[in-house]
Amino acid sequence: MDLKLQNKTAIVTGASEGVGKVIALSLANEGCNVIICSRDKTKLIKATNEIKKNCKNKKYCSYKLHELSISKYHAMCNWYK
């Protein structure tokens, strides 16, 4: 299914496991650039590697790791630009 997400960017919180990780993988498989966030850096790195390994559309797989704090939302937006 083409959801027309190529070159769009999504931020997925809670992406180190469970539903968040599945959502991140699904978005990446649709061609979306995905920023995944989690409170646990070790789990986040592990999830990143799993998502990269299982992503069907390698051309569009792109991940940026960032320790997200909602209080630092604007800093994260500036970091991504």
Protein backbone atom coordinates (compact mmCIF):
# COMPACT_ATOMS: atom_id res chain seq x y z
CA MET A 1 0.00 0.00 0.00
CA ASP A 2 1.40 3.41 -0.92
CA LEU A 3 0.53 5.97 1.73
CA LYS A 4 2.58 8.64 -0.11
CA LEU A 5 5.00 9.04 2.81
CA GLN A 6 8.24 9.15 0.79
CA ASN A 7 10.44 11.97 2.04
CA LYS A 8 8.01 12.83 4.84
CA THR A 9 9.37 12.84 8.38
CA ALA A 10 7.77 11.19 11.41
CA ILE A 11 8.76 11.31 15.07
CA VAL A 12 7.86 8.11 16.91
CA THR A 13 8.12 8.20 20.69
CA GLY A 14 8.29 5.04 22.75
CA ALA A 15 9.92 3.40 19.74
CA SER A 16 12.35 1.12 21.55
CA GLU A 17 9.86 -1.72 21.83
CA GLY A 18 6.28 -2.84 21.29
CA VAL A 19 3.80 -0.83 19.26
CA GLY A 20 6.16 2.14 18.87
CA LYS A 21 8.82 -0.01 17.22
CA VAL A 22 6.25 -1.62 14.90
CA ILE A 23 4.94 1.82 13.91
CA ALA A 24 8.47 3.07 13.20
CA LEU A 25 9.20 0.04 11.01
CA SER A 26 5.90 0.42 9.16
CA LEU A 27 6.56 4.10 8.46
CA ALA A 28 10.11 3.34 7.28
CA ASN A 29 8.78 0.64 4.96
CA GLU A 30 6.46 3.26 3.46
CA GLY A 31 9.45 5.47 2.64
CA CYS A 32 9.12 7.84 5.58
CA ASN A 33 12.19 9.28 7.32
CA VAL A 34 11.80 8.22 10.92
CA ILE A 35 13.14 9.78 14.10
CA ILE A 36 12.76 7.27 16.92
CA CYS A 37 12.84 8.31 20.55
CA SER A 38 12.97 6.45 23.82
CA ARG A 39 13.92 7.08 27.43
CA ASP A 40 16.33 4.14 27.37
CA LYS A 41 19.33 4.76 25.11
CA THR A 42 20.46 1.11 25.11
CA LYS A 43 17.03 -0.13 24.04
CA LEU A 44 16.85 2.67 21.47
CA ILE A 45 20.09 1.62 19.81
CA LYS A 46 18.97 -2.01 19.79
CA ALA A 47 15.61 -1.05 18.26
CA THR A 48 17.35 1.08 15.62
CA ASN A 49 19.47 -1.87 14.55
CA GLU A 50 16.44 -4.20 14.45
CA ILE A 51 14.41 -1.73 12.40
CA LYS A 52 17.27 -1.16 9.94
CA LYS A 53 17.71 -4.92 9.57
CA ASN A 54 14.01 -5.58 8.95
CA CYS A 55 13.17 -2.54 6.83
CA LYS A 56 12.17 -3.69 3.35
CA ASN A 57 12.77 -0.35 1.67
CA LYS A 58 16.49 0.23 2.36
CA LYS A 59 16.57 3.29 0.12
CA TYR A 60 14.38 5.22 2.53
CA CYS A 61 15.56 3.86 5.88
CA SER A 62 16.91 6.78 7.86
CA TYR A 63 17.15 7.06 11.63
CA LYS A 64 18.33 9.77 13.91
CA LEU A 65 18.80 9.04 17.58
CA HIS A 66 18.08 11.73 20.11
CA GLU A 67 17.39 11.62 23.80
CA LEU A 68 14.08 13.42 23.79
CA SER A 69 12.82 15.55 26.62
CA ILE A 70 9.50 17.24 25.96
CA SER A 71 10.85 20.30 27.74
CA LYS A 72 13.55 20.48 25.05
CA TYR A 73 11.17 20.17 22.08
CA HIS A 74 12.42 23.32 20.33
CA ALA A 75 16.04 22.24 20.70
CA MET A 76 15.16 18.93 19.04
CA CYS A 77 13.43 20.71 16.15
CA ASN A 78 16.50 22.89 15.61
CA TRP A 79 18.76 19.82 15.86
CA TYR A 80 16.84 18.04 13.11
CA LYS A 81 16.99 20.98 10.68
